[in-house]
């Protein structure tokens, strides 16, 4: 896939489970035209897999990092770690898992 599509996995640490964080992330991702998912991990983080234009992926990452949040992001983010990935075909929508 060489159409300018970018894929990242973002791990967000902080008070991000049980506060509406995945729902908020899904809403922002859909507004940006991204596909992927947000899910809770056993260690208390939220894993966000986002795929789409580089600009949209960078904007989502920026919104996840932003302190203080200008978009009423729920919870409290302590750290964000981004791992680049390889875009995949056949993904539609953005879901909470």
PDB file of N, CA and C in Angstrom:
ATOM      1  N   UNK A   1       0.868  -1.180   0.000  1.00  0.00           N
ATOM      2  CA  UNK A   1       0.000   0.000   0.000  1.00  0.00           C
ATOM      3  C   UNK A   1       0.905   1.230   0.000  1.00  0.00           C
ATOM      4  N   UNK A   2       0.957   1.969  -1.107  1.00  0.00           N
ATOM      5  CA  UNK A   2       1.834   3.129  -1.217  1.00  0.00           C
ATOM      6  C   UNK A   2       1.029   4.339  -1.672  1.00  0.00           C
ATOM      7  N   UNK A   3      -0.068   4.602  -0.979  1.00  0.00           N
ATOM      8  CA  UNK A   3      -0.949   5.710  -1.364  1.00  0.00           C
ATOM      9  C   UNK A   3      -0.896   6.851  -0.352  1.00  0.00           C
ATOM     10  N   UNK A   4       0.162   6.912   0.442  1.00  0.00           N
ATOM     11  CA  UNK A   4       0.284   7.955   1.455  1.00  0.00           C
ATOM     12  C   UNK A   4      -0.392   7.603   2.766  1.00  0.00           C
ATOM     13  N   UNK A   5      -0.876   6.384   2.879  1.00  0.00           N
ATOM     14  CA  UNK A   5      -1.534   5.953   4.113  1.00  0.00           C
ATOM     15  C   UNK A   5      -0.489   5.649   5.173  1.00  0.00           C
ATOM     16  N   UNK A   6      -0.763   6.113   6.381  1.00  0.00           N
ATOM     17  CA  UNK A   6       0.107   5.906   7.530  1.00  0.00           C
ATOM     18  C   UNK A   6      -0.647   5.095   8.571  1.00  0.00           C
ATOM     19  N   UNK A   7       0.088   4.243   9.285  1.00  0.00           N
ATOM     20  CA  UNK A   7      -0.506   3.458  10.374  1.00  0.00           C
ATOM     21  C   UNK A   7       0.411   3.554  11.592  1.00  0.00           C
ATOM     22  N   UNK A   8      -0.187   3.796  12.735  1.00  0.00           N
ATOM     23  CA  UNK A   8       0.569   3.838  13.988  1.00  0.00           C
ATOM     24  C   UNK A   8      -0.208   3.109  15.076  1.00  0.00           C
ATOM     25  N   UNK A   9       0.525   2.640  16.063  1.00  0.00           N
ATOM     26  CA  UNK A   9      -0.067   2.160  17.301  1.00  0.00           C
ATOM     27  C   UNK A   9       0.397   3.119  18.379  1.00  0.00           C
ATOM     28  N   UNK A  10      -0.568   3.669  19.109  1.00  0.00           N
ATOM     29  CA  UNK A  10      -0.280   4.665  20.139  1.00  0.00           C
ATOM     30  C   UNK A  10      -0.709   4.091  21.483  1.00  0.00           C
ATOM     31  N   UNK A  11       0.219   4.077  22.430  1.00  0.00           N
ATOM     32  CA  UNK A  11      -0.096   3.628  23.782  1.00  0.00           C
ATOM     33  C   UNK A  11      -0.203   4.849  24.680  1.00  0.00           C
ATOM     34  N   UNK A  12      -1.360   5.000  25.320  1.00  0.00           N
ATOM     35  CA  UNK A  12      -1.624   6.154  26.175  1.00  0.00           C
ATOM     36  C   UNK A  12      -1.717   5.679  27.618  1.00  0.00           C
ATOM     37  N   UNK A  13      -0.885   6.287  28.478  1.00  0.00           N
ATOM     38  CA  UNK A  13      -0.850   5.917  29.891  1.00  0.00           C
ATOM     39  C   UNK A  13      -1.388   7.081  30.720  1.00  0.00           C
ATOM     40  N   UNK A  14      -2.076   6.752  31.796  1.00  0.00           N
ATOM     41  CA  UNK A  14      -2.627   7.749  32.699  1.00  0.00           C
ATOM     42  C   UNK A  14      -3.961   7.260  33.225  1.00  0.00           C
ATOM     43  N   UNK A  15      -4.820   8.197  33.595  1.00  0.00           N
ATOM     44  CA  UNK A  15      -6.173   7.837  34.011  1.00  0.00           C
ATOM     45  C   UNK A  15      -7.043   7.851  32.748  1.00  0.00           C
ATOM     46  N   UNK A  16      -6.974   6.741  31.991  1.00  0.00           N
ATOM     47  CA  UNK A  16      -7.610   6.692  30.678  1.00  0.00           C
ATOM     48  C   UNK A  16      -8.589   5.526  30.512  1.00  0.00           C
ATOM     49  N   UNK A  17      -8.798   4.743  31.555  1.00  0.00           N
ATOM     50  CA  UNK A  17      -9.785   3.667  31.481  1.00  0.00           C
ATOM     51  C   UNK A  17     -10.963   3.992  32.383  1.00  0.00           C
ATOM     52  N   UNK A  18     -12.167   3.724  31.878  1.00  0.00           N
ATOM     53  CA  UNK A  18     -13.377   3.929  32.664  1.00  0.00           C
ATOM     54  C   UNK A  18     -13.821   5.377  32.745  1.00  0.00           C
ATOM     55  N   UNK A  19     -13.315   6.227  31.849  1.00  0.00           N
ATOM     56  CA  UNK A  19     -13.647   7.651  31.895  1.00  0.00           C
ATOM     57  C   UNK A  19     -14.192   8.187  30.567  1.00  0.00           C
ATOM     58  N   UNK A  20     -14.413   7.308  29.582  1.00  0.00           N
ATOM     59  CA  UNK A  20     -14.907   7.741  28.277  1.00  0.00           C
ATOM     60  C   UNK A  20     -13.801   8.063  27.284  1.00  0.00           C
ATOM     61  N   UNK A  21     -12.564   7.700  27.617  1.00  0.00           N
ATOM     62  CA  UNK A  21     -11.420   8.025  26.773  1.00  0.00           C
ATOM     63  C   UNK A  21     -11.486   7.338  25.412  1.00  0.00           C
ATOM     64  N   UNK A  22     -11.841   6.054  25.386  1.00  0.00           N
ATOM     65  CA  UNK A  22     -11.928   5.339  24.097  1.00  0.00           C
ATOM     66  C   UNK A  22     -13.036   5.929  23.229  1.00  0.00           C
ATOM     67  N   UNK A  23     -14.172   6.268  23.826  1.00  0.00           N
ATOM     68  CA  UNK A  23     -15.271   6.876  23.077  1.00  0.00           C
ATOM     69  C   UNK A  23     -14.814   8.206  22.472  1.00  0.00           C
ATOM     70  N   UNK A  24     -14.146   9.035  23.273  1.00  0.00           N
ATOM     71  CA  UNK A  24     -13.638  10.324  22.807  1.00  0.00           C
ATOM     72  C   UNK A  24     -12.641  10.125  21.668  1.00  0.00           C
ATOM     73  N   UNK A  25     -11.735   9.151  21.818  1.00  0.00           N
ATOM     74  CA  UNK A  25     -10.730   8.860  20.787  1.00  0.00           C
ATOM     75  C   UNK A  25     -11.403   8.430  19.498  1.00  0.00           C
ATOM     76  N   UNK A  26     -12.414   7.567  19.610  1.00  0.00           N
ATOM     77  CA  UNK A  26     -13.144   7.112  18.426  1.00  0.00           C
ATOM     78  C   UNK A  26     -13.796   8.293  17.713  1.00  0.00           C
ATOM     79  N   UNK A  27     -14.425   9.187  18.466  1.00  0.00           N
ATOM     80  CA  UNK A  27     -15.094  10.345  17.868  1.00  0.00           C
ATOM     81  C   UNK A  27     -14.095  11.222  17.119  1.00  0.00           C
ATOM     82  N   UNK A  28     -12.929  11.484  17.736  1.00  0.00           N
ATOM     83  CA  UNK A  28     -11.917  12.321  17.077  1.00  0.00           C
ATOM     84  C   UNK A  28     -11.381  11.620  15.827  1.00  0.00           C
ATOM     85  N   UNK A  29     -11.129  10.309  15.924  1.00  0.00           N
ATOM     86  CA  UNK A  29     -10.601   9.557  14.781  1.00  0.00           C
ATOM     87  C   UNK A  29     -11.578   9.583  13.613  1.00  0.00           C
ATOM     88  N   UNK A  30     -12.871   9.397  13.899  1.00  0.00           N
ATOM     89  CA  UNK A  30     -13.872   9.431  12.835  1.00  0.00           C
ATOM     90  C   UNK A  30     -13.950  10.813  12.201  1.00  0.00           C
ATOM     91  N   UNK A  31     -13.858  11.866  13.012  1.00  0.00           N
ATOM     92  CA  UNK A  31     -13.861  13.231  12.475  1.00  0.00           C
ATOM     93  C   UNK A  31     -12.677  13.454  11.537  1.00  0.00           C
ATOM     94  N   UNK A  32     -11.565  12.794  11.824  1.00  0.00           N
ATOM     95  CA  UNK A  32     -10.351  12.950  11.016  1.00  0.00           C
ATOM     96  C   UNK A  32     -10.295  11.982   9.836  1.00  0.00           C
ATOM     97  N   UNK A  33     -11.296  11.098   9.725  1.00  0.00           N
ATOM     98  CA  UNK A  33     -11.333  10.150   8.617  1.00  0.00           C
ATOM     99  C   UNK A  33     -10.394   8.967   8.791  1.00  0.00           C
ATOM    100  N   UNK A  34     -10.062   8.645  10.026  1.00  0.00           N
ATOM    101  CA  UNK A  34      -9.166   7.533  10.299  1.00  0.00           C
ATOM    102  C   UNK A  34      -9.929   6.229  10.505  1.00  0.00           C
ATOM    103  N   UNK A  35      -9.242   5.125  10.288  1.00  0.00           N
ATOM    104  CA  UNK A  35      -9.789   3.801  10.593  1.00  0.00           C
ATOM    105  C   UNK A  35      -8.890   3.170  11.650  1.00  0.00           C
ATOM    106  N   UNK A  36      -9.452   2.208  12.389  1.00  0.00           N
ATOM    107  CA  UNK A  36      -8.670   1.511  13.400  1.00  0.00           C
ATOM    108  C   UNK A  36      -9.491   1.188  14.626  1.00  0.00           C
ATOM    109  N   UNK A  37      -8.840   1.229  15.794  1.00  0.00           N
ATOM    110  CA  UNK A  37      -9.540   0.897  17.032  1.00  0.00           C
ATOM    111  C   UNK A  37      -8.848   1.515  18.246  1.00  0.00           C
ATOM    112  N   UNK A  38      -9.583   1.542  19.338  1.00  0.00           N
ATOM    113  CA  UNK A  38      -9.047   1.918  20.646  1.00  0.00           C
ATOM    114  C   UNK A  38      -9.503   0.844  21.624  1.00  0.00           C
ATOM    115  N   UNK A  39      -8.560   0.317  22.401  1.00  0.00           N
ATOM    116  CA  UNK A  39      -8.911  -0.737  23.355  1.00  0.00           C
ATOM    117  C   UNK A  39      -8.108  -0.576  24.639  1.00  0.00           C
ATOM    118  N   UNK A  40      -8.729  -1.009  25.735  1.00  0.00           N
ATOM    119  CA  UNK A  40      -8.044  -1.036  27.019  1.00  0.00           C
ATOM    120  C   UNK A  40      -7.049  -2.185  27.029  1.00  0.00           C
ATOM    121  N   UNK A  41      -5.919  -1.977  27.698  1.00  0.00           N
ATOM    122  CA  UNK A  41      -4.958  -3.058  27.884  1.00  0.00           C
ATOM    123  C   UNK A  41      -4.974  -3.469  29.356  1.00  0.00           C
ATOM    124  N   UNK A  42      -4.471  -4.655  29.630  1.00  0.00           N
ATOM    125  CA  UNK A  42      -4.500  -5.193  30.989  1.00  0.00           C
ATOM    126  C   UNK A  42      -3.680  -4.357  31.969  1.00  0.00           C
ATOM    127  N   UNK A  43      -2.692  -3.608  31.466  1.00  0.00           N
ATOM    128  CA  UNK A  43      -1.834  -2.823  32.362  1.00  0.00           C
ATOM    129  C   UNK A  43      -2.339  -1.396  32.592  1.00  0.00           C
ATOM    130  N   UNK A  44      -3.575  -1.106  32.154  1.00  0.00           N
ATOM    131  CA  UNK A  44      -4.177   0.198  32.435  1.00  0.00           C
ATOM    132  C   UNK A  44      -4.024   1.235  31.346  1.00  0.00           C
ATOM    133  N   UNK A  45      -3.301   0.897  30.284  1.00  0.00           N
ATOM    134  CA  UNK A  45      -3.153   1.832  29.170  1.00  0.00           C
ATOM    135  C   UNK A  45      -4.312   1.665  28.188  1.00  0.00           C
ATOM    136  N   UNK A  46      -4.400   2.600  27.242  1.00  0.00           N
ATOM    137  CA  UNK A  46      -5.283   2.452  26.102  1.00  0.00           C
ATOM    138  C   UNK A  46      -4.395   2.351  24.868  1.00  0.00           C
ATOM    139  N   UNK A  47      -4.655   1.336  24.048  1.00  0.00           N
ATOM    140  CA  UNK A  47      -3.957   1.145  22.789  1.00  0.00           C
ATOM    141  C   UNK A  47      -4.839   1.714  21.687  1.00  0.00           C
ATOM    142  N   UNK A  48      -4.273   2.617  20.908  1.00  0.00           N
ATOM    143  CA  UNK A  48      -4.985   3.221  19.787  1.00  0.00           C
ATOM    144  C   UNK A  48      -4.251   2.831  18.512  1.00  0.00           C
ATOM    145  N   UNK A  49      -4.928   2.141  17.609  1.00  0.00           N
ATOM    146  CA  UNK A  49      -4.369   1.847  16.293  1.00  0.00           C
ATOM    147  C   UNK A  49      -5.114   2.737  15.313  1.00  0.00           C
ATOM    148  N   UNK A  50      -4.358   3.604  14.625  1.00  0.00           N
ATOM    149  CA  UNK A  50      -4.968   4.577  13.719  1.00  0.00           C
ATOM    150  C   UNK A  50      -4.287   4.507  12.363  1.00  0.00           C
ATOM    151  N   UNK A  51      -5.106   4.535  11.326  1.00  0.00           N
ATOM    152  CA  UNK A  51      -4.599   4.452   9.960  1.00  0.00           C
ATOM    153  C   UNK A  51      -5.343   5.448   9.095  1.00  0.00           C
ATOM    154  N   UNK A  52      -4.591   6.170   8.265  1.00  0.00           N
ATOM    155  CA  UNK A  52      -5.169   7.147   7.354  1.00  0.00           C
ATOM    156  C   UNK A  52      -4.081   8.065   6.838  1.00  0.00           C
ATOM    157  N   UNK A  53      -4.458   9.270   6.463  1.00  0.00           N
ATOM    158  CA  UNK A  53      -3.469  10.212   5.956  1.00  0.00           C
ATOM    159  C   UNK A  53      -2.494  10.575   7.074  1.00  0.00           C
ATOM    160  N   UNK A  54      -1.260  10.857   6.692  1.00  0.00           N
ATOM    161  CA  UNK A  54      -0.248  11.226   7.685  1.00  0.00           C
ATOM    162  C   UNK A  54      -0.696  12.442   8.481  1.00  0.00           C
ATOM    163  N   UNK A  55      -1.307  13.395   7.826  1.00  0.00           N
ATOM    164  CA  UNK A  55      -1.772  14.607   8.499  1.00  0.00           C
ATOM    165  C   UNK A  55      -2.817  14.283   9.562  1.00  0.00           C
ATOM    166  N   UNK A  56      -3.778  13.415   9.236  1.00  0.00           N
ATOM    167  CA  UNK A  56      -4.833  13.055  10.182  1.00  0.00           C
ATOM    168  C   UNK A  56      -4.269  12.260  11.359  1.00  0.00           C
ATOM    169  N   UNK A  57      -3.351  11.345  11.084  1.00  0.00           N
ATOM    170  CA  UNK A  57      -2.734  10.549  12.150  1.00  0.00           C
ATOM    171  C   UNK A  57      -1.949  11.466  13.083  1.00  0.00           C
ATOM    172  N   UNK A  58      -1.206  12.408  12.521  1.00  0.00           N
ATOM    173  CA  UNK A  58      -0.445  13.356  13.346  1.00  0.00           C
ATOM    174  C   UNK A  58      -1.372  14.230  14.180  1.00  0.00           C
ATOM    175  N   UNK A  59      -2.514  14.608  13.622  1.00  0.00           N
ATOM    176  CA  UNK A  59      -3.465  15.435  14.368  1.00  0.00           C
ATOM    177  C   UNK A  59      -4.042  14.656  15.553  1.00  0.00           C
ATOM    178  N   UNK A  60      -4.399  13.380  15.332  1.00  0.00           N
ATOM    179  CA  UNK A  60      -4.910  12.565  16.437  1.00  0.00           C
ATOM    180  C   UNK A  60      -3.849  12.434  17.530  1.00  0.00           C
ATOM    181  N   UNK A  61      -2.612  12.163  17.125  1.00  0.00           N
ATOM    182  CA  UNK A  61      -1.538  12.053  18.111  1.00  0.00           C
ATOM    183  C   UNK A  61      -1.408  13.358  18.903  1.00  0.00           C
ATOM    184  N   UNK A  62      -1.487  14.476  18.218  1.00  0.00           N
ATOM    185  CA  UNK A  62      -1.400  15.779  18.871  1.00  0.00           C
ATOM    186  C   UNK A  62      -2.526  15.969  19.881  1.00  0.00           C
ATOM    187  N   UNK A  63      -3.748  15.560  19.506  1.00  0.00           N
ATOM    188  CA  UNK A  63      -4.889  15.676  20.418  1.00  0.00           C
ATOM    189  C   UNK A  63      -4.722  14.775  21.636  1.00  0.00           C
ATOM    190  N   UNK A  64      -4.105  13.616  21.444  1.00  0.00           N
ATOM    191  CA  UNK A  64      -3.880  12.702  22.563  1.00  0.00           C
ATOM    192  C   UNK A  64      -2.830  13.258  23.519  1.00  0.00           C
ATOM    193  N   UNK A  65      -1.854  13.976  23.005  1.00  0.00           N
ATOM    194  CA  UNK A  65      -0.764  14.541  23.814  1.00  0.00           C
ATOM    195  C   UNK A  65      -1.109  15.884  24.456  1.00  0.00           C
ATOM    196  N   UNK A  66      -2.021  16.615  23.857  1.00  0.00           N
ATOM    197  CA  UNK A  66      -2.288  17.997  24.227  1.00  0.00           C
ATOM    198  C   UNK A  66      -2.539  18.192  25.726  1.00  0.00           C
ATOM    199  N   UNK A  67      -1.804  19.124  26.334  1.00  0.00           N
ATOM    200  CA  UNK A  67      -1.961  19.441  27.753  1.00  0.00           C
ATOM    201  C   UNK A  67      -2.039  20.958  27.906  1.00  0.00           C
ATOM    202  N   UNK A  68      -3.083  21.507  28.443  1.00  0.00           N
ATOM    203  CA  UNK A  68      -4.353  20.829  28.726  1.00  0.00           C
ATOM    204  C   UNK A  68      -5.131  20.620  27.435  1.00  0.00           C
ATOM    205  N   UNK A  69      -6.066  19.716  27.475  1.00  0.00           N
ATOM    206  CA  UNK A  69      -6.876  19.405  26.300  1.00  0.00           C
ATOM    207  C   UNK A  69      -7.805  20.563  25.966  1.00  0.00           C
ATOM    208  N   UNK A  70      -7.842  20.917  24.701  1.00  0.00           N
ATOM    209  CA  UNK A  70      -8.777  21.949  24.232  1.00  0.00           C
ATOM    210  C   UNK A  70     -10.061  21.336  23.692  1.00  0.00           C
ATOM    211  N   UNK A  71     -10.146  20.001  23.731  1.00  0.00           N
ATOM    212  CA  UNK A  71     -11.304  19.298  23.159  1.00  0.00           C
ATOM    213  C   UNK A  71     -12.032  18.449  24.200  1.00  0.00           C
ATOM    214  N   UNK A  72     -11.875  18.816  25.470  1.00  0.00           N
ATOM    215  CA  UNK A  72     -12.553  18.120  26.561  1.00  0.00           C
ATOM    216  C   UNK A  72     -12.253  16.623  26.612  1.00  0.00           C
ATOM    217  N   UNK A  73     -11.004  16.283  26.358  1.00  0.00           N
ATOM    218  CA  UNK A  73     -10.585  14.887  26.438  1.00  0.00           C
ATOM    219  C   UNK A  73     -10.780  14.403  27.870  1.00  0.00           C
ATOM    220  N   UNK A  74     -11.474  13.286  28.052  1.00  0.00           N
ATOM    221  CA  UNK A  74     -11.707  12.779  29.411  1.00  0.00           C
ATOM    222  C   UNK A  74     -10.447  12.152  29.999  1.00  0.00           C
ATOM    223  N   UNK A  75     -10.427  12.059  31.314  1.00  0.00           N
ATOM    224  CA  UNK A  75      -9.316  11.425  31.996  1.00  0.00           C
ATOM    225  C   UNK A  75      -8.106  12.338  32.078  1.00  0.00           C
ATOM    226  N   UNK A  76      -6.962  11.709  32.283  1.00  0.00           N
ATOM    227  CA  UNK A  76      -5.702  12.437  32.390  1.00  0.00           C
ATOM    228  C   UNK A  76      -4.609  11.625  31.712  1.00  0.00           C
ATOM    229  N   UNK A  77      -3.926  12.226  30.751  1.00  0.00           N
ATOM    230  CA  UNK A  77      -2.858  11.545  30.016  1.00  0.00           C
ATOM    231  C   UNK A  77      -1.517  11.875  30.660  1.00  0.00           C
ATOM    232  N   UNK A  78      -0.769  10.823  31.006  1.00  0.00           N
ATOM    233  CA  UNK A  78       0.571  10.996  31.566  1.00  0.00           C
ATOM    234  C   UNK A  78       1.651  10.837  30.508  1.00  0.00           C
ATOM    235  N   UNK A  79       1.460   9.896  29.589  1.00  0.00           N
ATOM    236  CA  UNK A  79       2.454   9.694  28.532  1.00  0.00           C
ATOM    237  C   UNK A  79       1.817   9.066  27.305  1.00  0.00           C
ATOM    238  N   UNK A  80       2.446   9.323  26.173  1.00  0.00           N
ATOM    239  CA  UNK A  80       1.995   8.798  24.879  1.00  0.00           C
ATOM    240  C   UNK A  80       3.225   8.237  24.166  1.00  0.00           C
ATOM    241  N   UNK A  81       3.143   6.982  23.751  1.00  0.00           N
ATOM    242  CA  UNK A  81       4.223   6.340  23.009  1.00  0.00           C
ATOM    243  C   UNK A  81       3.663   5.906  21.664  1.00  0.00           C
ATOM    244  N   UNK A  82       4.372   6.287  20.595  1.00  0.00           N
ATOM    245  CA  UNK A  82       3.909   5.989  19.237  1.00  0.00           C
ATOM    246  C   UNK A  82       4.855   4.997  18.575  1.00  0.00           C
ATOM    247  N   UNK A  83       4.265   3.952  18.013  1.00  0.00           N
ATOM    248  CA  UNK A  83       5.037   2.962  17.260  1.00  0.00           C
ATOM    249  C   UNK A  83       4.531   2.948  15.827  1.00  0.00           C
ATOM    250  N   UNK A  84       5.389   3.226  14.836  1.00  0.00           N
ATOM    251  CA  UNK A  84       4.954   3.174  13.451  1.00  0.00           C
ATOM    252  C   UNK A  84       4.622   1.744  13.042  1.00  0.00           C
ATOM    253  N   UNK A  85       3.712   1.627  12.102  1.00  0.00           N
ATOM    254  CA  UNK A  85       3.319   0.312  11.619  1.00  0.00           C
ATOM    255  C   UNK A  85       3.209   0.308  10.108  1.00  0.00           C
ATOM    256  N   UNK A  86       2.812  -0.833   9.588  1.00  0.00           N
ATOM    257  CA  UNK A  86       2.634  -1.003   8.152  1.00  0.00           C
ATOM    258  C   UNK A  86       1.135  -0.962   7.859  1.00  0.00           C
ATOM    259  N   UNK A  87       0.680  -0.058   6.969  1.00  0.00           N
ATOM    260  CA  UNK A  87      -0.751   0.020   6.647  1.00  0.00           C
ATOM    261  C   UNK A  87      -1.294  -1.327   6.171  1.00  0.00           C
ATOM    262  N   UNK A  88      -2.551  -1.592   6.526  1.00  0.00           N
ATOM    263  CA  UNK A  88      -3.212  -2.832   6.143  1.00  0.00           C
ATOM    264  C   UNK A  88      -4.443  -2.523   5.313  1.00  0.00           C
ATOM    265  N   UNK A  89      -4.724  -3.380   4.360  1.00  0.00           N
ATOM    266  CA  UNK A  89      -5.932  -3.264   3.532  1.00  0.00           C
ATOM    267  C   UNK A  89      -7.133  -3.820   4.275  1.00  0.00           C
ATOM    268  N   UNK A  90      -8.323  -3.403   3.855  1.00  0.00           N
ATOM    269  CA  UNK A  90      -9.552  -4.011   4.336  1.00  0.00           C
ATOM    270  C   UNK A  90     -10.042  -3.541   5.694  1.00  0.00           C
ATOM    271  N   UNK A  91      -9.524  -2.452   6.199  1.00  0.00           N
ATOM    272  CA  UNK A  91      -9.992  -1.943   7.494  1.00  0.00           C
ATOM    273  C   UNK A  91     -11.024  -0.859   7.229  1.00  0.00           C
ATOM    274  N   UNK A  92     -12.137  -0.949   7.924  1.00  0.00           N
ATOM    275  CA  UNK A  92     -13.205   0.053   7.769  1.00  0.00           C
ATOM    276  C   UNK A  92     -13.656   0.517   9.135  1.00  0.00           C
ATOM    277  N   UNK A  93     -13.910   1.803   9.261  1.00  0.00           N
ATOM    278  CA  UNK A  93     -14.441   2.351  10.493  1.00  0.00           C
ATOM    279  C   UNK A  93     -13.402   2.431  11.597  1.00  0.00           C
ATOM    280  N   UNK A  94     -13.839   2.965  12.724  1.00  0.00           N
ATOM    281  CA  UNK A  94     -12.994   3.061  13.910  1.00  0.00           C
ATOM    282  C   UNK A  94     -13.841   2.599  15.078  1.00  0.00           C
ATOM    283  N   UNK A  95     -13.375   1.592  15.785  1.00  0.00           N
ATOM    284  CA  UNK A  95     -14.207   0.966  16.818  1.00  0.00           C
ATOM    285  C   UNK A  95     -13.535   0.987  18.177  1.00  0.00           C
ATOM    286  N   UNK A  96     -14.362   0.898  19.206  1.00  0.00           N
ATOM    287  CA  UNK A  96     -13.897   0.665  20.567  1.00  0.00           C
ATOM    288  C   UNK A  96     -13.902  -0.834  20.787  1.00  0.00           C
ATOM    289  N   UNK A  97     -12.841  -1.341  21.342  1.00  0.00           N
ATOM    290  CA  UNK A  97     -12.783  -2.775  21.650  1.00  0.00           C
ATOM    291  C   UNK A  97     -12.711  -2.968  23.136  1.00  0.00           C
TER     292      UNK A  97
END
